[in-house]
Amino acid sequence: MARKQDSFYFDTFISCAECAVKASRILRECIDDYNPDVLFKELDRVHEVEHEADVLKHEMMNVLLKAFITPIDREDITLMSQCLDEVVDKLEDVVQRLYCDNIRTIRKEMFEVVDIVEKCCNELLEMMKDFADFKHSKTLKERIININTLEEDADKVFIRNMHQLHTTVENPLEIIVWRDVYRYLEQCADACEHVADACERVLMNNT
């Protein structure tokens, strides 16, 4: 029974990461074929994924509350769950921002950031698969480093895009709107790095 319960936590981490990948793909599809007049449909799609992630998180917390022995510290399970949930939340925030601010056209600079965020989420999923056997994985540390590097790339692009926005756009409202979009996108990469940091913490405490 203990082994089955241990597997539950790691399997759920993987399922949560799969939600992040789904949400990143919806964002990608949304901007690749951007149509502001049907954006509410994309918002519904990403919200369904966010709800799926929330259900997984609540199920894990319910099991954790009743658990006597856990494979890693309870605090680490809680932290990992919260960090994974944050990734999906941040991705939904980006689509919400596009919809709420009634953005009619996508700035080309957004595509590079979405590329990085999508790579972060894909790497996040692979990291969670490795994390299921973290004591023996030969690639988990590499996954953590990869996500850290991608987050640094997102930071550099964010700074460049913000500078370009403030030096080439004259409309104050457009600046405010896109500044928010860029910040939310950068926070998606930050959220992935928070999961990587939580993984690294578990590694440090258990190996």
Protein backbone atom coordinates (compact mmCIF):
# COMPACT_ATOMS: atom_id res chain seq x y z
CA MET A 1 0.00 0.00 0.00
CA ALA A 2 2.84 2.39 0.88
CA ARG A 3 4.49 1.96 -2.52
CA LYS A 4 1.17 2.54 -4.27
CA GLN A 5 0.64 5.74 -2.29
CA ASP A 6 4.21 6.89 -3.02
CA SER A 7 3.55 6.40 -6.73
CA PHE A 8 0.36 8.46 -6.41
CA TYR A 9 2.27 11.62 -5.49
CA PHE A 10 4.79 11.34 -8.31
CA ASP A 11 2.15 10.33 -10.87
CA THR A 12 0.09 13.35 -9.85
CA PHE A 13 3.10 15.63 -10.23
CA ILE A 14 3.44 14.31 -13.79
CA SER A 15 -0.26 14.87 -14.47
CA CYS A 16 0.03 18.45 -13.21
CA ALA A 17 2.99 19.03 -15.52
CA GLU A 18 0.95 17.62 -18.39
CA CYS A 19 -1.66 20.29 -17.63
CA ALA A 20 1.06 22.92 -17.96
CA VAL A 21 2.02 21.52 -21.37
CA LYS A 22 -1.63 21.55 -22.46
CA ALA A 23 -2.03 25.17 -21.35
CA SER A 24 1.16 26.23 -23.14
CA ARG A 25 -0.08 24.59 -26.34
CA ILE A 26 -3.39 26.42 -26.11
CA LEU A 27 -1.49 29.69 -25.73
CA ARG A 28 0.66 28.78 -28.73
CA GLU A 29 -2.37 27.91 -30.87
CA CYS A 30 -4.09 31.08 -29.71
CA ILE A 31 -1.38 33.43 -30.94
CA ASP A 32 -0.42 31.40 -34.03
CA ASP A 33 -3.91 31.87 -35.44
CA TYR A 34 -4.94 34.92 -33.45
CA ASN A 35 -8.58 35.93 -33.69
CA PRO A 36 -9.68 38.34 -30.94
CA ASP A 37 -13.34 37.82 -31.81
CA VAL A 38 -13.27 34.16 -30.72
CA LEU A 39 -10.68 34.54 -27.97
CA PHE A 40 -13.31 33.69 -25.36
CA LYS A 41 -13.28 30.13 -26.70
CA GLU A 42 -9.54 29.86 -26.04
CA LEU A 43 -10.15 31.31 -22.60
CA ASP A 44 -12.67 28.56 -21.92
CA ARG A 45 -10.21 25.91 -23.13
CA VAL A 46 -7.36 27.09 -20.93
CA HIS A 47 -9.71 27.49 -17.96
CA GLU A 48 -10.75 23.84 -18.31
CA VAL A 49 -7.08 22.86 -18.07
CA GLU A 50 -6.60 25.17 -15.07
CA HIS A 51 -9.60 23.52 -13.39
CA GLU A 52 -8.14 20.08 -14.14
CA ALA A 53 -4.90 21.13 -12.46
CA ASP A 54 -6.81 22.46 -9.44
CA VAL A 55 -8.65 19.14 -9.06
CA LEU A 56 -5.36 17.25 -9.14
CA LYS A 57 -3.89 19.56 -6.52
CA HIS A 58 -6.91 19.17 -4.21
CA GLU A 59 -6.88 15.38 -4.60
CA MET A 60 -3.22 15.31 -3.63
CA MET A 61 -3.80 17.51 -0.59
CA ASN A 62 -6.66 15.26 0.54
CA VAL A 63 -4.42 12.18 0.34
CA LEU A 64 -1.59 14.03 2.06
CA LEU A 65 -3.82 15.04 4.97
CA LYS A 66 -4.58 11.37 5.72
CA ALA A 67 -1.09 10.02 5.02
CA PHE A 68 1.02 8.66 7.87
CA ILE A 69 4.24 8.16 5.86
CA THR A 70 5.20 10.08 2.72
CA PRO A 71 8.02 9.46 0.19
CA ILE A 72 9.40 12.99 0.70
CA ASP A 73 8.70 15.63 3.33
CA ARG A 74 5.10 16.77 3.51
CA GLU A 75 6.27 20.38 3.13
CA ASP A 76 8.06 19.46 -0.11
CA ILE A 77 4.98 17.73 -1.51
CA THR A 78 2.89 20.79 -0.69
CA LEU A 79 5.46 23.15 -2.20
CA MET A 80 5.78 21.08 -5.38
CA SER A 81 2.01 20.94 -5.76
CA GLN A 82 1.65 24.69 -5.29
CA CYS A 83 4.47 25.48 -7.72
CA LEU A 84 3.05 23.22 -10.43
CA ASP A 85 -0.39 24.75 -9.99
CA GLU A 86 1.16 28.21 -10.30
CA VAL A 87 2.52 27.39 -13.77
CA VAL A 88 -0.95 26.67 -15.15
CA ASP A 89 -2.40 29.71 -13.37
CA LYS A 90 0.20 32.00 -14.96
CA LEU A 91 -0.46 30.58 -18.43
CA GLU A 92 -4.17 31.18 -18.00
CA ASP A 93 -3.37 34.74 -16.88
CA VAL A 94 -1.74 35.48 -20.25
CA VAL A 95 -4.83 34.43 -22.22
CA GLN A 96 -7.04 36.35 -19.79
CA ARG A 97 -4.92 39.45 -20.33
CA LEU A 98 -5.28 39.22 -24.10
CA TYR A 99 -9.04 38.86 -23.72
CA CYS A 100 -9.69 41.43 -20.97
CA ASP A 101 -7.57 44.11 -22.66
CA ASN A 102 -9.23 43.38 -26.02
CA ILE A 103 -5.91 43.09 -27.82
CA ARG A 104 -6.64 43.10 -31.53
CA THR A 105 -3.26 42.16 -32.98
CA ILE A 106 -0.26 40.28 -31.63
CA ARG A 107 3.13 41.97 -31.51
CA LYS A 108 5.74 39.80 -33.22
CA GLU A 109 7.99 40.00 -30.14
CA MET A 110 5.49 37.84 -28.25
CA PHE A 111 6.24 34.76 -30.34
CA GLU A 112 9.81 34.39 -29.08
CA VAL A 113 8.68 34.52 -25.46
CA VAL A 114 5.92 31.98 -26.04
CA ASP A 115 8.53 29.71 -27.67
CA ILE A 116 10.61 29.87 -24.49
CA VAL A 117 7.60 29.31 -22.23
CA GLU A 118 6.49 26.32 -24.27
CA LYS A 119 10.00 24.84 -24.05
CA CYS A 120 9.97 25.45 -20.30
CA CYS A 121 6.71 23.53 -19.91
CA ASN A 122 7.91 20.62 -22.06
CA GLU A 123 11.13 20.45 -20.04
CA LEU A 124 9.04 20.66 -16.86
CA LEU A 125 7.13 17.54 -17.86
CA GLU A 126 10.34 15.63 -18.54
CA MET A 127 11.72 16.83 -15.22
CA MET A 128 8.67 15.50 -13.37
CA LYS A 129 9.08 12.13 -15.08
CA ASP A 130 12.68 12.03 -13.87
CA PHE A 131 11.63 13.24 -10.43
CA ALA A 132 9.54 10.11 -9.96
CA ASP A 133 12.87 8.29 -9.51
CA PHE A 134 14.91 11.24 -8.26
CA LYS A 135 17.34 9.17 -6.20
CA HIS A 136 18.53 7.26 -9.27
CA SER A 137 17.84 9.63 -12.16
CA LYS A 138 20.89 10.53 -14.22
CA THR A 139 19.18 13.40 -16.04
CA LEU A 140 17.17 15.23 -13.36
CA LYS A 141 19.93 17.73 -12.56
CA GLU A 142 20.29 18.44 -16.27
CA ARG A 143 16.54 19.12 -16.52
CA ILE A 144 16.78 21.57 -13.60
CA ILE A 145 19.67 23.40 -15.26
CA ASN A 146 17.82 23.51 -18.58
CA ILE A 147 14.81 25.18 -16.98
CA ASN A 148 17.03 27.66 -15.16
CA THR A 149 18.69 28.52 -18.48
CA LEU A 150 15.35 28.95 -20.23
CA GLU A 151 14.17 31.26 -17.44
CA GLU A 152 17.30 33.36 -17.90
CA ASP A 153 16.55 33.51 -21.62
CA ALA A 154 13.02 34.68 -20.82
CA ASP A 155 14.44 37.42 -18.58
CA LYS A 156 16.73 38.68 -21.35
CA VAL A 157 13.91 38.74 -23.90
CA PHE A 158 11.62 40.46 -21.39
CA ILE A 159 14.14 43.27 -20.84
CA ARG A 160 14.71 43.66 -24.59
CA ASN A 161 10.99 43.69 -25.35
CA MET A 162 10.24 46.20 -22.61
CA HIS A 163 12.94 48.53 -23.89
CA GLN A 164 11.64 48.25 -27.45
CA LEU A 165 8.08 48.83 -26.27
CA HIS A 166 8.96 52.04 -24.42
CA THR A 167 11.16 53.39 -27.20
CA THR A 168 9.06 52.61 -30.28
CA VAL A 169 5.42 52.87 -29.13
CA GLU A 170 3.84 56.26 -28.52
CA ASN A 171 0.35 55.24 -27.44
CA PRO A 172 0.40 55.11 -23.59
CA LEU A 173 -2.49 52.65 -23.44
CA GLU A 174 -0.74 50.24 -25.80
CA ILE A 175 2.39 50.46 -23.67
CA ILE A 176 0.46 49.66 -20.49
CA VAL A 177 -1.39 46.73 -22.08
CA TRP A 178 1.68 45.09 -23.60
CA ARG A 179 3.78 45.73 -20.53
CA ASP A 180 1.30 43.57 -18.61
CA VAL A 181 1.33 40.84 -21.26
CA TYR A 182 5.13 40.70 -21.24
CA ARG A 183 5.20 40.55 -17.45
CA TYR A 184 2.68 37.72 -17.30
CA LEU A 185 4.65 35.77 -19.90
CA GLU A 186 7.88 36.25 -17.98
CA GLN A 187 6.10 35.03 -14.83
CA CYS A 188 5.25 31.78 -16.66
CA ALA A 189 8.96 31.05 -17.02
CA ASP A 190 9.51 32.11 -13.39
CA ALA A 191 6.85 29.65 -12.28
CA CYS A 192 8.59 26.80 -14.12
CA GLU A 193 11.85 27.74 -12.41
CA HIS A 194 10.09 27.63 -9.02
CA VAL A 195 9.23 23.98 -9.71
CA ALA A 196 12.86 23.30 -10.66
CA ASP A 197 13.97 24.97 -7.42
CA ALA A 198 11.58 22.77 -5.45
CA CYS A 199 13.02 19.68 -7.18
CA GLU A 200 16.52 20.79 -6.32
CA ARG A 201 15.49 21.27 -2.69
CA VAL A 202 14.21 17.68 -2.54
CA LEU A 203 17.44 16.43 -4.10
CA MET A 204 19.52 18.30 -1.54
CA ASN A 205 17.45 17.00 1.37
CA ASN A 206 17.24 13.37 0.27
CA THR A 207 20.50 12.42 -1.47
